[in-house]
Amino acid sequence: MTPPSPEKDFPWWLVVVLATGLWMFWEVLSSEVYSGVLEKLAQGIWVTVMVAVTAYVAACLIGLGLALMGLSRSLVLRQVARLYVEVMRGVPIIVLLLYVAFVLAPALVDVWNFVRGLLGLDPVRPRDFSLLWRAVIALTLAYSAFLAEIFRAGLLSVDRGQVEAAASLGLGRWHRFRLIVFPQAFRTIFPALGNDFVAMVKDSSLVSVLGVTDVTQLGKVTAAGNFRYFETYNVVALIYLTMTIGLSLLLRRLEVRLRARG
């Protein structure tokens, strides 16, 4: 029996989400309480987007580098990459956020002050290292480990015969990677990369534990001030759902186009 294709299903789930979203948007537009909450939380949307996008791009670059190290002929590089991936995947993201913010960041400031002292420059204070960037570094370190495994699996999925054929045509290692290996691997891993980006948007809410003024943190502050927990967290959920569902639909459309080209 051939299973039905999920892509041909009518998106009833989207109808439910849109209906609920329209109702909440109507409440926001017609209610002074909802409008006031949204006005306050809107200030944190750009912080959430900036944290998610910056950390994800950096994590992709590091993850790709780790994947290449993991597939290297050098035993040392392979072991270093595996050590990094296993350690970062084994530590909860919220613990890593706290560790980077209150252990690693002060240590980096001490090292930086040591270098500045050798140059005869004045030291910097640990509080000059923004909590926002500490949070970005923590999310980057956490997600780079997950993305490294995605890139590694994608690179291994490319048929070895195509690589050997490219080498026989005289293409160097860099050109083989850029023209043959990576384009095919990218089409394979694009859905997984998209899923991790959506997850990054959601996990960016964890930076609120450091007091970074993202949507979640502003939601906590607003609810503590007006005691309208129901309305406030409805708006918080609506903002995140709007971002994540919008991203999911866009990524699904891009995935279909990539399949068509392949």
Protein backbone atom coordinates (compact mmCIF):
# COMPACT_ATOMS: atom_id res chain seq x y z
CA MET A 1 0.00 0.00 0.00
CA THR A 2 1.45 3.34 -1.07
CA PRO A 3 1.35 5.90 1.74
CA PRO A 4 -0.28 9.25 0.89
CA SER A 5 2.00 12.17 0.16
CA PRO A 6 1.85 14.75 3.00
CA GLU A 7 2.51 17.51 0.48
CA LYS A 8 -0.85 16.81 -1.21
CA ASP A 9 -2.84 17.12 2.02
CA PHE A 10 -5.01 20.18 2.41
CA PRO A 11 -3.35 22.28 5.16
CA TRP A 12 -6.18 22.20 7.69
CA TRP A 13 -3.62 22.88 10.42
CA LEU A 14 -2.78 26.15 8.71
CA VAL A 15 -6.48 27.08 8.58
CA VAL A 16 -6.73 26.54 12.34
CA VAL A 17 -3.58 28.55 12.98
CA LEU A 18 -4.69 31.39 10.71
CA ALA A 19 -8.14 31.50 12.29
CA THR A 20 -6.64 31.65 15.77
CA GLY A 21 -4.10 34.22 14.65
CA LEU A 22 -6.73 36.43 13.07
CA TRP A 23 -8.77 36.28 16.25
CA MET A 24 -5.74 37.30 18.31
CA PHE A 25 -4.87 40.08 15.87
CA TRP A 26 -8.43 41.35 16.16
CA GLU A 27 -8.08 41.33 19.92
CA VAL A 28 -4.82 43.25 19.64
CA LEU A 29 -6.41 45.86 17.36
CA SER A 30 -9.63 46.23 19.32
CA SER A 31 -8.37 45.93 22.90
CA GLU A 32 -6.41 48.67 24.63
CA VAL A 33 -4.77 46.09 26.89
CA TYR A 34 -3.54 43.95 23.98
CA SER A 35 -2.46 47.03 22.02
CA GLY A 36 -0.46 48.33 24.97
CA VAL A 37 1.22 44.97 25.48
CA LEU A 38 2.11 44.64 21.80
CA GLU A 39 3.57 48.15 21.74
CA LYS A 40 5.92 47.24 24.57
CA LEU A 41 6.88 43.84 23.22
CA ALA A 42 7.50 45.13 19.69
CA GLN A 43 10.71 46.71 20.95
CA GLY A 44 12.13 43.24 21.55
CA ILE A 45 11.31 41.75 18.15
CA TRP A 46 14.41 43.18 16.48
CA VAL A 47 16.58 41.94 19.34
CA THR A 48 15.14 38.44 18.91
CA VAL A 49 15.69 38.54 15.14
CA MET A 50 19.22 39.91 15.48
CA VAL A 51 20.24 37.29 18.06
CA ALA A 52 18.77 34.42 16.02
CA VAL A 53 20.18 35.48 12.64
CA THR A 54 23.65 36.45 13.91
CA ALA A 55 24.08 33.31 16.00
CA TYR A 56 22.78 31.06 13.22
CA VAL A 57 25.06 32.47 10.52
CA ALA A 58 28.07 32.19 12.81
CA ALA A 59 27.04 28.67 13.84
CA CYS A 60 26.74 27.63 10.18
CA LEU A 61 30.26 28.82 9.42
CA ILE A 62 31.74 27.11 12.47
CA GLY A 63 29.64 23.99 11.89
CA LEU A 64 30.83 23.68 8.29
CA GLY A 65 34.42 24.07 9.45
CA LEU A 66 33.91 21.38 12.10
CA ALA A 67 32.34 19.06 9.52
CA LEU A 68 35.35 19.47 7.24
CA MET A 69 37.66 18.84 10.20
CA GLY A 70 35.68 15.72 11.06
CA LEU A 71 36.21 14.40 7.53
CA SER A 72 39.87 15.41 7.40
CA ARG A 73 42.68 12.95 6.88
CA SER A 74 44.31 14.32 10.03
CA LEU A 75 43.56 12.29 13.16
CA VAL A 76 44.15 15.35 15.35
CA LEU A 77 41.60 17.47 13.47
CA ARG A 78 39.04 14.67 13.53
CA GLN A 79 39.43 14.17 17.27
CA VAL A 80 39.28 17.91 18.00
CA ALA A 81 36.07 18.21 15.98
CA ARG A 82 34.52 15.20 17.72
CA LEU A 83 35.49 16.52 21.16
CA TYR A 84 33.88 19.89 20.44
CA VAL A 85 30.68 18.37 19.04
CA GLU A 86 30.19 15.91 21.89
CA VAL A 87 30.87 18.47 24.62
CA MET A 88 28.61 21.14 23.16
CA ARG A 89 25.80 18.70 22.43
CA GLY A 90 26.04 17.33 25.96
CA VAL A 91 25.55 20.66 27.74
CA PRO A 92 22.02 22.14 27.96
CA ILE A 93 21.77 25.44 26.11
CA ILE A 94 20.61 27.35 29.19
CA VAL A 95 23.62 26.04 31.14
CA LEU A 96 25.91 27.03 28.29
CA LEU A 97 24.37 30.52 28.28
CA LEU A 98 25.12 30.94 31.98
CA TYR A 99 28.60 29.48 31.62
CA VAL A 100 29.54 31.74 28.72
CA ALA A 101 28.02 34.81 30.38
CA PHE A 102 29.55 34.42 33.83
CA VAL A 103 32.62 32.19 33.35
CA LEU A 104 33.95 32.34 29.78
CA ALA A 105 33.26 36.04 29.12
CA PRO A 106 35.09 37.29 32.27
CA ALA A 107 37.99 34.96 31.39
CA LEU A 108 38.16 36.44 27.89
CA VAL A 109 38.16 39.93 29.37
CA ASP A 110 41.08 38.95 31.64
CA VAL A 111 43.04 37.65 28.66
CA TRP A 112 42.22 40.79 26.68
CA ASN A 113 43.34 42.99 29.60
CA PHE A 114 46.60 41.05 29.83
CA VAL A 115 47.29 41.76 26.16
CA ARG A 116 46.32 45.40 26.59
CA GLY A 117 48.62 45.65 29.61
CA LEU A 118 51.56 44.44 27.51
CA LEU A 119 50.71 47.19 25.02
CA GLY A 120 50.45 49.81 27.75
CA LEU A 121 46.70 50.29 27.30
CA ASP A 122 44.06 50.75 29.98
CA PRO A 123 42.09 47.65 30.98
CA VAL A 124 38.43 47.15 30.11
CA ARG A 125 35.75 46.17 32.60
CA PRO A 126 33.85 42.87 32.37
CA ARG A 127 30.57 44.78 32.28
CA ASP A 128 31.72 46.42 29.06
CA PHE A 129 31.25 42.99 27.44
CA SER A 130 27.56 43.20 26.55
CA LEU A 131 25.26 40.44 27.78
CA LEU A 132 23.67 40.49 24.35
CA TRP A 133 26.89 39.38 22.69
CA ARG A 134 27.58 36.85 25.42
CA ALA A 135 24.21 35.31 24.58
CA VAL A 136 25.00 35.33 20.84
CA ILE A 137 28.32 33.56 21.50
CA ALA A 138 26.62 30.92 23.65
CA LEU A 139 23.94 30.15 21.05
CA THR A 140 26.61 30.05 18.34
CA LEU A 141 28.67 27.51 20.27
CA ALA A 142 25.63 25.35 21.01
CA TYR A 143 24.17 25.26 17.51
CA SER A 144 27.49 24.92 15.70
CA ALA A 145 27.79 21.42 17.15
CA PHE A 146 24.36 20.38 15.84
CA LEU A 147 24.96 21.98 12.46
CA ALA A 148 28.36 20.29 12.19
CA GLU A 149 26.66 16.90 12.24
CA ILE A 150 24.14 18.03 9.62
CA PHE A 151 26.90 19.28 7.31
CA ARG A 152 28.95 16.13 7.87
CA ALA A 153 26.02 13.89 6.94
CA GLY A 154 25.32 15.98 3.85
CA LEU A 155 28.91 15.88 2.66
CA LEU A 156 29.03 12.11 3.15
CA SER A 157 25.83 11.69 1.12
CA VAL A 158 27.51 12.88 -2.08
CA ASP A 159 28.42 9.99 -4.37
CA ARG A 160 32.14 9.32 -4.18
CA GLY A 161 32.25 8.53 -7.87
CA GLN A 162 31.33 12.10 -8.79
CA VAL A 163 34.18 13.43 -6.70
CA GLU A 164 36.62 11.04 -8.34
CA ALA A 165 35.30 11.99 -11.77
CA ALA A 166 35.85 15.68 -11.01
CA ALA A 167 39.38 14.92 -9.83
CA SER A 168 40.08 13.03 -13.06
CA LEU A 169 39.04 16.15 -14.99
CA GLY A 170 41.74 18.11 -13.20
CA LEU A 171 39.61 19.99 -10.67
CA GLY A 172 41.45 20.87 -7.49
CA ARG A 173 40.16 20.08 -4.01
CA TRP A 174 38.61 23.52 -3.50
CA HIS A 175 36.87 23.50 -6.89
CA ARG A 176 35.59 19.96 -6.31
CA PHE A 177 34.11 21.07 -3.02
CA ARG A 178 32.60 24.31 -4.36
CA LEU A 179 31.25 22.99 -7.67
CA ILE A 180 30.44 19.32 -7.01
CA VAL A 181 30.23 18.39 -3.34
CA PHE A 182 28.69 21.35 -1.55
CA PRO A 183 25.82 22.11 -4.00
CA GLN A 184 24.60 18.52 -3.82
CA ALA A 185 25.08 18.30 -0.08
CA PHE A 186 23.22 21.58 0.43
CA ARG A 187 20.12 20.31 -1.39
CA THR A 188 20.13 17.25 0.87
CA ILE A 189 20.56 19.08 4.17
CA PHE A 190 18.48 22.18 3.44
CA PRO A 191 15.37 20.91 5.30
CA ALA A 192 17.47 20.10 8.38
CA LEU A 193 19.18 23.49 8.22
CA GLY A 194 15.79 25.17 7.97
CA ASN A 195 14.48 23.24 10.96
CA ASP A 196 17.46 24.30 13.04
CA PHE A 197 16.94 27.94 12.05
CA VAL A 198 13.34 27.78 13.26
CA ALA A 199 14.60 26.12 16.44
CA MET A 200 17.15 28.91 16.85
CA VAL A 201 14.39 31.53 16.70
CA LYS A 202 12.58 29.72 19.51
CA ASP A 203 15.70 29.04 21.58
CA SER A 204 16.68 32.71 21.33
CA SER A 205 14.03 33.21 24.02
CA LEU A 206 16.51 31.62 26.46
CA VAL A 207 18.64 34.77 26.38
CA SER A 208 16.01 36.31 28.63
CA VAL A 209 17.69 34.54 31.57
CA LEU A 210 20.56 37.00 31.10
CA GLY A 211 18.23 39.98 31.08
CA VAL A 212 18.61 40.59 27.33
CA THR A 213 15.59 42.63 26.25
CA ASP A 214 14.13 40.24 23.71
CA VAL A 215 10.42 39.47 23.33
CA THR A 216 10.38 36.98 26.20
CA GLN A 217 12.19 39.26 28.63
CA LEU A 218 9.96 42.21 27.80
CA GLY A 219 6.97 39.89 28.22
CA LYS A 220 8.12 38.97 31.73
CA VAL A 221 8.71 42.60 32.65
CA THR A 222 5.37 43.72 31.18
CA ALA A 223 3.40 40.97 32.91
CA ALA A 224 5.08 41.74 36.22
CA GLY A 225 4.08 45.39 35.84
CA ASN A 226 0.47 45.12 34.68
CA PHE A 227 -0.42 41.67 36.11
CA ARG A 228 -2.09 40.86 32.76
CA TYR A 229 -0.39 37.50 32.37
CA PHE A 230 -3.06 36.03 30.07
CA GLU A 231 -2.98 38.91 27.60
CA THR A 232 0.78 39.42 27.77
CA TYR A 233 1.78 35.82 27.14
CA ASN A 234 -0.86 35.50 24.44
CA VAL A 235 0.93 38.27 22.58
CA VAL A 236 4.34 36.69 23.26
CA ALA A 237 3.11 33.38 21.84
CA LEU A 238 1.52 35.15 18.86
CA ILE A 239 4.79 36.91 17.99
CA TYR A 240 6.81 33.69 18.10
CA LEU A 241 4.19 31.73 16.17
CA THR A 242 4.07 34.42 13.49
CA MET A 243 7.84 34.25 13.07
CA THR A 244 8.23 30.47 13.20
CA ILE A 245 5.23 29.53 11.04
CA GLY A 246 6.12 32.21 8.51
CA LEU A 247 9.68 30.86 8.37
CA SER A 248 8.45 27.27 8.06
CA LEU A 249 6.22 28.10 5.10
CA LEU A 250 8.99 30.07 3.39
CA LEU A 251 11.54 27.30 3.93
CA ARG A 252 9.11 24.69 2.62
CA ARG A 253 8.63 26.75 -0.54
CA LEU A 254 12.38 27.05 -1.01
CA GLU A 255 12.78 23.30 -0.45
CA VAL A 256 10.30 22.59 -3.27
CA ARG A 257 12.26 24.87 -5.60
CA LEU A 258 15.54 23.18 -4.73
CA ARG A 259 14.01 19.78 -5.46
CA ALA A 260 12.73 21.04 -8.81
CA ARG A 261 16.22 22.23 -9.77
CA GLY A 262 17.76 18.94 -8.69
